[in-house]
């Protein structure tokens, strides 16, 4: 599906039209959020791997490991998630990443044939108020949207962009031209 590029004007200034850009460490592209989510998953996997020695220490309680994972690992994944356009596929990727993290903490491999629901139950037994990542992403998106709609300025103008309405004179002139 080809996208149509149109000129965007904000307060009488034309904005440059680009296919992708990086802003504050987050990658924004015309292909929705797919490249950004894949990059975040790769960075999260790298962080999880770097902390492998901590995950293997038996003296650290599982609840502490889960808290460490939430603060050190999943925070990398959730950075700038407010700007993502989620699809069914990207939602599955996020859930798979979360399951991979939890399986690593519990020392569960896919060869153990333990279902994801069992992994979630074990997690809830260790630490009760643990929200899944996908609802967390959706909650953050809604929170950001509410913040922007309550504000004034360029962000609100762009987010709630509207087309300037034609008055009756312009509409009549346009009708005569066709």
N, C-alpha and C. Protein backbone atom coordinates (compact mmCIF):
# COMPACT_ATOMS: atom_id res chain seq x y z
N UNK A 1 0.84 -1.17 0.00
CA UNK A 1 0.00 0.00 0.00
C UNK A 1 0.89 1.24 0.00
N UNK A 2 0.79 2.04 -1.03
CA UNK A 2 1.59 3.24 -1.14
C UNK A 2 0.92 4.38 -0.39
N UNK A 3 1.74 5.14 0.29
CA UNK A 3 1.18 6.28 1.01
C UNK A 3 1.31 7.53 0.15
N UNK A 4 0.36 8.39 0.27
CA UNK A 4 0.36 9.63 -0.48
C UNK A 4 0.95 10.71 0.42
N UNK A 5 2.00 11.36 -0.08
CA UNK A 5 2.62 12.43 0.69
C UNK A 5 1.91 13.74 0.37
N UNK A 6 1.48 14.41 1.38
CA UNK A 6 0.84 15.70 1.20
C UNK A 6 1.59 16.74 2.01
N UNK A 7 1.46 17.97 1.60
CA UNK A 7 2.09 19.05 2.34
C UNK A 7 1.33 19.27 3.65
N UNK A 8 2.08 19.42 4.71
CA UNK A 8 1.47 19.68 6.02
C UNK A 8 1.89 21.08 6.45
N UNK A 9 0.90 21.87 6.76
CA UNK A 9 1.13 23.25 7.18
C UNK A 9 0.69 23.40 8.63
N UNK A 10 1.55 23.99 9.43
CA UNK A 10 1.22 24.29 10.82
C UNK A 10 1.57 25.75 11.07
N UNK A 11 0.57 26.52 11.42
CA UNK A 11 0.74 27.95 11.69
C UNK A 11 1.49 28.64 10.55
N UNK A 12 1.01 28.43 9.34
CA UNK A 12 1.52 29.07 8.12
C UNK A 12 2.95 28.67 7.78
N UNK A 13 3.44 27.55 8.31
CA UNK A 13 4.76 27.04 7.96
C UNK A 13 4.63 25.63 7.43
N UNK A 14 5.29 25.37 6.29
CA UNK A 14 5.26 24.03 5.71
C UNK A 14 6.30 23.16 6.41
N UNK A 15 5.86 21.98 6.86
CA UNK A 15 6.78 21.04 7.50
C UNK A 15 7.46 20.19 6.44
N UNK A 16 8.74 19.86 6.68
CA UNK A 16 9.47 18.99 5.76
C UNK A 16 8.87 17.60 5.79
N UNK A 17 8.83 16.95 4.64
CA UNK A 17 8.26 15.61 4.52
C UNK A 17 9.40 14.60 4.41
N UNK A 18 9.54 13.72 5.40
CA UNK A 18 10.59 12.70 5.39
C UNK A 18 9.96 11.33 5.65
N UNK A 19 10.65 10.27 5.25
CA UNK A 19 10.13 8.91 5.46
C UNK A 19 10.44 8.39 6.86
N UNK A 20 11.56 8.85 7.44
CA UNK A 20 11.92 8.39 8.77
C UNK A 20 12.85 9.41 9.43
N UNK A 21 12.87 9.38 10.76
CA UNK A 21 13.78 10.23 11.51
C UNK A 21 13.95 9.66 12.91
N UNK A 22 15.05 10.05 13.55
CA UNK A 22 15.32 9.61 14.92
C UNK A 22 15.21 10.83 15.82
N UNK A 23 14.45 10.68 16.91
CA UNK A 23 14.25 11.79 17.83
C UNK A 23 14.35 11.26 19.26
N UNK A 24 15.28 11.81 20.02
CA UNK A 24 15.50 11.41 21.41
C UNK A 24 15.68 9.90 21.56
N UNK A 25 16.40 9.30 20.63
CA UNK A 25 16.69 7.87 20.71
C UNK A 25 15.61 6.96 20.17
N UNK A 26 14.47 7.51 19.77
CA UNK A 26 13.38 6.71 19.22
C UNK A 26 13.33 6.92 17.71
N UNK A 27 13.09 5.85 16.97
CA UNK A 27 13.06 5.87 15.52
C UNK A 27 11.62 5.95 15.04
N UNK A 28 11.31 6.95 14.26
CA UNK A 28 9.97 7.13 13.71
C UNK A 28 10.04 6.95 12.20
N UNK A 29 9.12 6.13 11.66
CA UNK A 29 9.13 5.84 10.23
C UNK A 29 7.72 5.85 9.68
N UNK A 30 7.64 5.98 8.36
CA UNK A 30 6.33 5.98 7.72
C UNK A 30 5.72 4.58 7.70
N UNK A 31 6.51 3.56 8.03
CA UNK A 31 6.03 2.17 8.05
C UNK A 31 5.45 1.82 9.41
N UNK A 32 4.76 2.75 10.02
CA UNK A 32 4.21 2.60 11.36
C UNK A 32 5.34 2.41 12.35
N UNK A 33 5.18 1.57 13.34
CA UNK A 33 6.18 1.45 14.39
C UNK A 33 7.01 0.18 14.28
N UNK A 34 6.85 -0.56 13.20
CA UNK A 34 7.52 -1.86 13.08
C UNK A 34 9.04 -1.78 13.27
N UNK A 35 9.77 -0.89 12.57
CA UNK A 35 11.22 -0.84 12.77
C UNK A 35 11.61 -0.46 14.20
N UNK A 36 10.86 0.46 14.80
CA UNK A 36 11.17 0.89 16.17
C UNK A 36 10.94 -0.25 17.16
N UNK A 37 9.84 -0.98 17.02
CA UNK A 37 9.55 -2.07 17.94
C UNK A 37 10.59 -3.18 17.79
N UNK A 38 10.97 -3.51 16.56
CA UNK A 38 11.99 -4.53 16.34
C UNK A 38 13.33 -4.10 16.94
N UNK A 39 13.69 -2.83 16.78
CA UNK A 39 14.94 -2.34 17.37
C UNK A 39 14.88 -2.39 18.89
N UNK A 40 13.75 -2.03 19.47
CA UNK A 40 13.58 -2.08 20.93
C UNK A 40 13.66 -3.52 21.44
N UNK A 41 13.07 -4.45 20.71
CA UNK A 41 13.14 -5.86 21.11
C UNK A 41 14.58 -6.35 21.07
N UNK A 42 15.34 -5.95 20.05
CA UNK A 42 16.75 -6.35 19.95
C UNK A 42 17.55 -5.76 21.11
N UNK A 43 17.31 -4.50 21.45
CA UNK A 43 18.02 -3.87 22.57
C UNK A 43 17.64 -4.53 23.90
N UNK A 44 16.37 -4.90 24.04
CA UNK A 44 15.91 -5.56 25.26
C UNK A 44 16.56 -6.94 25.40
N UNK A 45 16.64 -7.66 24.30
CA UNK A 45 17.28 -8.98 24.31
C UNK A 45 18.75 -8.86 24.69
N UNK A 46 19.43 -7.84 24.16
CA UNK A 46 20.84 -7.63 24.50
C UNK A 46 21.01 -7.32 25.99
N UNK A 47 20.13 -6.48 26.53
CA UNK A 47 20.20 -6.16 27.96
C UNK A 47 19.94 -7.39 28.82
N UNK A 48 18.98 -8.20 28.41
CA UNK A 48 18.66 -9.43 29.14
C UNK A 48 19.86 -10.38 29.14
N UNK A 49 20.54 -10.47 28.00
CA UNK A 49 21.71 -11.33 27.87
C UNK A 49 22.87 -10.81 28.72
N UNK A 50 23.08 -9.50 28.76
CA UNK A 50 24.17 -8.92 29.55
C UNK A 50 23.99 -9.19 31.05
N UNK A 51 22.76 -9.34 31.48
CA UNK A 51 22.48 -9.58 32.90
C UNK A 51 22.32 -11.06 33.23
N UNK A 52 22.76 -11.92 32.32
CA UNK A 52 22.57 -13.36 32.50
C UNK A 52 23.23 -13.88 33.78
N UNK A 53 24.37 -13.31 34.16
CA UNK A 53 25.03 -13.77 35.38
C UNK A 53 24.16 -13.50 36.61
N UNK A 54 23.44 -12.39 36.60
CA UNK A 54 22.54 -12.09 37.73
C UNK A 54 21.37 -13.07 37.75
N UNK A 55 20.83 -13.39 36.58
CA UNK A 55 19.68 -14.30 36.53
C UNK A 55 20.05 -15.70 37.02
N UNK A 56 21.33 -16.08 36.88
CA UNK A 56 21.76 -17.42 37.27
C UNK A 56 22.13 -17.54 38.75
N UNK A 57 22.20 -16.44 39.48
CA UNK A 57 22.54 -16.50 40.91
C UNK A 57 21.33 -17.00 41.68
N UNK A 58 21.49 -18.13 42.34
CA UNK A 58 20.38 -18.76 43.06
C UNK A 58 20.02 -18.04 44.37
N UNK A 59 20.98 -17.28 44.92
CA UNK A 59 20.74 -16.61 46.21
C UNK A 59 19.81 -15.41 46.08
N UNK A 60 19.65 -14.88 44.87
CA UNK A 60 18.75 -13.74 44.66
C UNK A 60 17.33 -14.27 44.51
N UNK A 61 16.41 -13.71 45.27
CA UNK A 61 15.01 -14.15 45.23
C UNK A 61 14.39 -13.84 43.87
N UNK A 62 13.45 -14.70 43.45
CA UNK A 62 12.78 -14.49 42.17
C UNK A 62 12.04 -13.16 42.12
N UNK A 63 11.46 -12.76 43.23
CA UNK A 63 10.74 -11.47 43.25
C UNK A 63 11.71 -10.32 42.97
N UNK A 64 12.92 -10.40 43.49
CA UNK A 64 13.94 -9.37 43.23
C UNK A 64 14.37 -9.40 41.77
N UNK A 65 14.51 -10.60 41.23
CA UNK A 65 14.89 -10.72 39.81
C UNK A 65 13.81 -10.14 38.90
N UNK A 66 12.55 -10.37 39.25
CA UNK A 66 11.46 -9.83 38.43
C UNK A 66 11.45 -8.31 38.51
N UNK A 67 11.68 -7.78 39.69
CA UNK A 67 11.73 -6.31 39.83
C UNK A 67 12.92 -5.74 39.06
N UNK A 68 14.06 -6.42 39.10
CA UNK A 68 15.22 -5.99 38.33
C UNK A 68 14.92 -6.03 36.83
N UNK A 69 14.26 -7.10 36.40
CA UNK A 69 13.91 -7.22 34.99
C UNK A 69 12.99 -6.07 34.57
N UNK A 70 11.99 -5.76 35.41
CA UNK A 70 11.05 -4.68 35.08
C UNK A 70 11.76 -3.33 35.01
N UNK A 71 12.71 -3.09 35.91
CA UNK A 71 13.36 -1.78 35.93
C UNK A 71 14.51 -1.66 34.93
N UNK A 72 15.27 -2.73 34.72
CA UNK A 72 16.45 -2.64 33.86
C UNK A 72 16.21 -3.09 32.42
N UNK A 73 15.34 -4.05 32.23
CA UNK A 73 15.19 -4.66 30.90
C UNK A 73 13.95 -4.13 30.18
N UNK A 74 12.79 -4.28 30.81
CA UNK A 74 11.57 -3.89 30.09
C UNK A 74 11.44 -2.38 29.93
N UNK A 75 12.14 -1.61 30.76
CA UNK A 75 12.12 -0.16 30.56
C UNK A 75 12.74 0.21 29.21
N UNK A 76 13.70 -0.59 28.75
CA UNK A 76 14.29 -0.37 27.43
C UNK A 76 13.25 -0.61 26.34
N UNK A 77 12.49 -1.68 26.50
CA UNK A 77 11.45 -2.00 25.51
C UNK A 77 10.36 -0.94 25.48
N UNK A 78 9.98 -0.43 26.64
CA UNK A 78 8.84 0.49 26.72
C UNK A 78 9.20 1.94 26.44
N UNK A 79 10.47 2.24 26.19
CA UNK A 79 10.86 3.62 25.92
C UNK A 79 10.17 4.11 24.64
N UNK A 80 9.47 5.22 24.74
CA UNK A 80 8.77 5.86 23.62
C UNK A 80 7.66 5.00 23.04
N UNK A 81 7.12 4.07 23.82
CA UNK A 81 6.04 3.21 23.33
C UNK A 81 4.75 3.99 23.11
N UNK A 82 4.66 5.18 23.65
CA UNK A 82 3.46 6.01 23.49
C UNK A 82 3.23 6.38 22.03
N UNK A 83 4.27 6.37 21.23
CA UNK A 83 4.14 6.77 19.83
C UNK A 83 3.93 5.59 18.88
N UNK A 84 3.91 4.38 19.40
CA UNK A 84 3.77 3.21 18.54
C UNK A 84 2.35 3.07 18.01
N UNK A 85 2.26 2.57 16.79
CA UNK A 85 0.98 2.15 16.23
C UNK A 85 0.97 0.63 16.34
N UNK A 86 0.16 0.10 17.22
CA UNK A 86 0.17 -1.34 17.47
C UNK A 86 -0.73 -2.07 16.48
N UNK A 87 -0.23 -3.19 16.00
CA UNK A 87 -1.02 -4.11 15.19
C UNK A 87 -1.07 -5.44 15.93
N UNK A 88 -1.78 -6.39 15.38
CA UNK A 88 -1.85 -7.72 16.01
C UNK A 88 -0.46 -8.34 16.05
N UNK A 89 0.30 -8.21 14.95
CA UNK A 89 1.64 -8.79 14.90
C UNK A 89 2.58 -8.15 15.91
N UNK A 90 2.59 -6.83 15.98
CA UNK A 90 3.49 -6.17 16.93
C UNK A 90 3.10 -6.48 18.37
N UNK A 91 1.81 -6.64 18.62
CA UNK A 91 1.36 -7.06 19.95
C UNK A 91 1.89 -8.44 20.31
N UNK A 92 1.89 -9.33 19.34
CA UNK A 92 2.43 -10.68 19.57
C UNK A 92 3.93 -10.63 19.84
N UNK A 93 4.64 -9.76 19.13
CA UNK A 93 6.08 -9.63 19.35
C UNK A 93 6.37 -9.17 20.78
N UNK A 94 5.59 -8.20 21.25
CA UNK A 94 5.78 -7.69 22.61
C UNK A 94 5.49 -8.79 23.63
N UNK A 95 4.41 -9.54 23.42
CA UNK A 95 4.09 -10.64 24.34
C UNK A 95 5.15 -11.73 24.30
N UNK A 96 5.68 -12.02 23.12
CA UNK A 96 6.73 -13.04 23.00
C UNK A 96 8.00 -12.58 23.72
N UNK A 97 8.32 -11.29 23.60
CA UNK A 97 9.49 -10.76 24.29
C UNK A 97 9.33 -10.87 25.80
N UNK A 98 8.13 -10.55 26.28
CA UNK A 98 7.86 -10.65 27.72
C UNK A 98 7.98 -12.09 28.19
N UNK A 99 7.43 -13.02 27.44
CA UNK A 99 7.52 -14.44 27.81
C UNK A 99 8.97 -14.91 27.80
N UNK A 100 9.74 -14.44 26.82
CA UNK A 100 11.16 -14.80 26.76
C UNK A 100 11.91 -14.33 28.00
N UNK A 101 11.60 -13.11 28.44
CA UNK A 101 12.23 -12.57 29.65
C UNK A 101 11.87 -13.40 30.88
N UNK A 102 10.58 -13.70 31.03
CA UNK A 102 10.13 -14.47 32.20
C UNK A 102 10.69 -15.88 32.18
N UNK A 103 10.72 -16.51 31.01
CA UNK A 103 11.29 -17.86 30.91
C UNK A 103 12.77 -17.86 31.28
N UNK A 104 13.49 -16.80 30.88
CA UNK A 104 14.90 -16.69 31.24
C UNK A 104 15.06 -16.60 32.76
N UNK A 105 14.22 -15.79 33.40
CA UNK A 105 14.31 -15.63 34.86
C UNK A 105 14.04 -16.94 35.59
N UNK A 106 13.04 -17.68 35.12
CA UNK A 106 12.67 -18.94 35.77
C UNK A 106 13.54 -20.11 35.33
N UNK A 107 14.40 -19.90 34.35
CA UNK A 107 15.24 -20.98 33.84
C UNK A 107 14.45 -22.00 33.04
N UNK A 108 13.39 -21.56 32.40
CA UNK A 108 12.52 -22.45 31.61
C UNK A 108 12.88 -22.30 30.14
N UNK A 109 13.12 -23.41 29.48
CA UNK A 109 13.34 -23.38 28.04
C UNK A 109 12.12 -23.98 27.35
N UNK A 110 12.06 -23.81 26.05
CA UNK A 110 10.92 -24.36 25.31
C UNK A 110 10.95 -25.89 25.30
N UNK A 111 12.12 -26.47 25.58
CA UNK A 111 12.21 -27.93 25.65
C UNK A 111 11.51 -28.49 26.88
N UNK A 112 11.24 -27.63 27.87
CA UNK A 112 10.51 -28.08 29.06
C UNK A 112 9.03 -28.26 28.80
N UNK A 113 8.54 -27.78 27.67
CA UNK A 113 7.11 -27.90 27.29
C UNK A 113 6.18 -27.33 28.35
N UNK A 114 6.50 -26.15 28.83
CA UNK A 114 5.64 -25.46 29.79
C UNK A 114 4.94 -24.33 29.05
N UNK A 115 3.62 -24.30 29.15
CA UNK A 115 2.83 -23.31 28.44
C UNK A 115 3.04 -21.91 29.03
N UNK A 116 2.78 -20.91 28.19
CA UNK A 116 2.93 -19.52 28.63
C UNK A 116 2.04 -19.19 29.82
N UNK A 117 0.85 -19.75 29.86
CA UNK A 117 -0.07 -19.48 30.96
C UNK A 117 0.50 -19.98 32.29
N UNK A 118 1.19 -21.11 32.25
CA UNK A 118 1.83 -21.64 33.46
C UNK A 118 2.96 -20.70 33.92
N UNK A 119 3.70 -20.15 32.95
CA UNK A 119 4.77 -19.20 33.30
C UNK A 119 4.16 -17.96 33.96
N UNK A 120 3.04 -17.48 33.42
CA UNK A 120 2.36 -16.32 34.01
C UNK A 120 1.86 -16.64 35.43
N UNK A 121 1.32 -17.84 35.63
CA UNK A 121 0.85 -18.23 36.96
C UNK A 121 2.00 -18.27 37.96
N UNK A 122 3.14 -18.80 37.54
CA UNK A 122 4.31 -18.84 38.42
C UNK A 122 4.76 -17.42 38.77
N UNK A 123 4.69 -16.54 37.78
CA UNK A 123 5.09 -15.15 38.02
C UNK A 123 4.16 -14.49 39.02
N UNK A 124 2.86 -14.72 38.87
CA UNK A 124 1.88 -14.11 39.78
C UNK A 124 1.99 -14.67 41.20
N UNK A 125 2.47 -15.90 41.33
CA UNK A 125 2.67 -16.46 42.67
C UNK A 125 3.84 -15.79 43.37
N UNK A 126 4.84 -15.38 42.59
CA UNK A 126 6.02 -14.75 43.17
C UNK A 126 5.76 -13.28 43.48
N UNK A 127 5.16 -12.56 42.54
CA UNK A 127 4.91 -11.13 42.71
C UNK A 127 3.51 -10.83 42.19
N UNK A 128 2.63 -10.42 43.04
CA UNK A 128 1.19 -10.29 42.71
C UNK A 128 0.86 -9.18 41.71
N UNK A 129 1.09 -7.90 42.01
CA UNK A 129 0.59 -6.86 41.11
C UNK A 129 1.50 -6.66 39.90
N UNK A 130 1.53 -7.64 39.01
CA UNK A 130 2.39 -7.56 37.84
C UNK A 130 1.51 -7.46 36.59
N UNK A 131 1.52 -6.30 35.97
CA UNK A 131 0.73 -6.08 34.76
C UNK A 131 1.51 -6.57 33.55
N UNK A 132 0.83 -7.20 32.61
CA UNK A 132 1.48 -7.65 31.38
C UNK A 132 1.94 -6.43 30.59
N UNK A 133 2.90 -6.64 29.68
CA UNK A 133 3.48 -5.51 28.96
C UNK A 133 2.52 -4.87 27.96
N UNK A 134 1.72 -5.67 27.26
CA UNK A 134 0.83 -5.11 26.24
C UNK A 134 -0.21 -4.16 26.86
N UNK A 135 -0.88 -4.53 27.95
CA UNK A 135 -1.76 -3.54 28.60
C UNK A 135 -1.00 -2.32 29.12
N UNK A 136 0.25 -2.51 29.53
CA UNK A 136 1.06 -1.38 29.98
C UNK A 136 1.30 -0.41 28.83
N UNK A 137 1.61 -0.95 27.64
CA UNK A 137 1.82 -0.10 26.46
C UNK A 137 0.54 0.67 26.15
N UNK A 138 -0.60 -0.02 26.14
CA UNK A 138 -1.87 0.64 25.84
C UNK A 138 -2.21 1.71 26.87
N UNK A 139 -1.95 1.43 28.14
CA UNK A 139 -2.22 2.41 29.19
C UNK A 139 -1.34 3.65 29.02
N UNK A 140 -0.07 3.44 28.68
CA UNK A 140 0.84 4.56 28.47
C UNK A 140 0.42 5.40 27.27
N UNK A 141 -0.04 4.73 26.21
CA UNK A 141 -0.51 5.46 25.03
C UNK A 141 -1.70 6.34 25.37
N UNK A 142 -2.65 5.81 26.12
CA UNK A 142 -3.83 6.59 26.51
C UNK A 142 -3.46 7.74 27.45
N UNK A 143 -2.53 7.48 28.34
CA UNK A 143 -2.09 8.52 29.28
C UNK A 143 -1.42 9.67 28.52
N UNK A 144 -0.59 9.33 27.54
CA UNK A 144 0.09 10.34 26.73
C UNK A 144 -0.92 11.13 25.90
N UNK A 145 -1.90 10.43 25.32
CA UNK A 145 -2.93 11.10 24.53
C UNK A 145 -3.71 12.10 25.39
N UNK A 146 -4.07 11.70 26.59
CA UNK A 146 -4.77 12.60 27.50
C UNK A 146 -3.92 13.80 27.87
N UNK A 147 -2.63 13.57 28.07
CA UNK A 147 -1.72 14.67 28.41
C UNK A 147 -1.66 15.68 27.26
N UNK A 148 -1.54 15.18 26.03
CA UNK A 148 -1.43 16.07 24.87
C UNK A 148 -2.73 16.82 24.63
N UNK A 149 -3.87 16.14 24.76
CA UNK A 149 -5.14 16.81 24.50
C UNK A 149 -5.45 17.89 25.54
N UNK A 150 -4.92 17.75 26.74
CA UNK A 150 -5.13 18.78 27.76
C UNK A 150 -4.18 19.96 27.58
N UNK A 151 -3.10 19.76 26.82
CA UNK A 151 -2.12 20.82 26.64
C UNK A 151 -2.53 21.76 25.51
N UNK A 152 -1.75 22.79 25.33
CA UNK A 152 -1.94 23.68 24.19
C UNK A 152 -0.62 23.71 23.43
N UNK A 153 -0.69 23.96 22.16
CA UNK A 153 0.53 24.09 21.40
C UNK A 153 0.56 23.19 20.18
N UNK A 154 1.77 23.05 19.64
CA UNK A 154 1.98 22.36 18.38
C UNK A 154 1.63 20.88 18.46
N UNK A 155 2.00 20.22 19.56
CA UNK A 155 1.72 18.78 19.68
C UNK A 155 0.23 18.50 19.59
N UNK A 156 -0.57 19.30 20.25
CA UNK A 156 -2.02 19.11 20.20
C UNK A 156 -2.55 19.40 18.80
N UNK A 157 -2.02 20.44 18.15
CA UNK A 157 -2.45 20.79 16.80
C UNK A 157 -2.16 19.65 15.82
N UNK A 158 -0.98 19.05 15.94
CA UNK A 158 -0.60 17.96 15.03
C UNK A 158 -1.42 16.71 15.34
N UNK A 159 -1.57 16.38 16.61
CA UNK A 159 -2.29 15.17 16.99
C UNK A 159 -3.75 15.22 16.58
N UNK A 160 -4.38 16.36 16.77
CA UNK A 160 -5.79 16.50 16.45
C UNK A 160 -5.99 17.24 15.14
N UNK A 161 -5.01 17.13 14.25
CA UNK A 161 -5.03 17.87 13.00
C UNK A 161 -6.37 17.82 12.29
N UNK A 162 -6.82 18.97 11.87
CA UNK A 162 -8.08 19.07 11.15
C UNK A 162 -7.84 19.80 9.85
N UNK A 163 -8.75 19.63 8.93
CA UNK A 163 -8.69 20.32 7.65
C UNK A 163 -9.48 21.61 7.81
N UNK A 164 -8.90 22.69 7.29
CA UNK A 164 -9.59 23.97 7.39
C UNK A 164 -10.89 23.90 6.61
N UNK A 165 -11.94 24.29 7.25
CA UNK A 165 -13.27 24.21 6.65
C UNK A 165 -13.46 25.31 5.61
N UNK A 166 -14.09 24.93 4.51
CA UNK A 166 -14.40 25.91 3.47
C UNK A 166 -15.67 26.65 3.84
N UNK A 167 -15.69 27.95 3.61
CA UNK A 167 -16.95 28.66 3.83
C UNK A 167 -17.80 28.54 2.56
N UNK A 168 -18.98 29.07 2.60
CA UNK A 168 -19.91 28.89 1.49
C UNK A 168 -19.39 29.51 0.21
N UNK A 169 -18.61 30.60 0.30
CA UNK A 169 -18.10 31.26 -0.89
C UNK A 169 -17.06 30.38 -1.58
N UNK A 170 -16.09 29.81 -0.79
CA UNK A 170 -15.06 28.94 -1.36
C UNK A 170 -15.67 27.67 -1.93
N UNK A 171 -16.66 27.12 -1.26
CA UNK A 171 -17.31 25.90 -1.75
C UNK A 171 -18.01 26.17 -3.08
N UNK A 172 -18.67 27.31 -3.22
CA UNK A 172 -19.33 27.66 -4.47
C UNK A 172 -18.35 27.88 -5.59
N UNK A 173 -17.23 28.53 -5.29
CA UNK A 173 -16.21 28.77 -6.31
C UNK A 173 -15.60 27.44 -6.77
N UNK A 174 -15.35 26.53 -5.84
CA UNK A 174 -14.79 25.23 -6.18
C UNK A 174 -15.77 24.44 -7.05
N UNK A 175 -17.05 24.55 -6.77
CA UNK A 175 -18.08 23.86 -7.55
C UNK A 175 -18.12 24.40 -8.98
N UNK A 176 -17.92 25.71 -9.15
CA UNK A 176 -17.94 26.32 -10.48
C UNK A 176 -16.74 25.90 -11.31
N UNK A 177 -15.59 25.58 -10.65
CA UNK A 177 -14.38 25.20 -11.37
C UNK A 177 -14.49 23.80 -11.95
N UNK A 178 -15.33 22.95 -11.41
CA UNK A 178 -15.41 21.56 -11.89
C UNK A 178 -16.36 21.39 -13.02
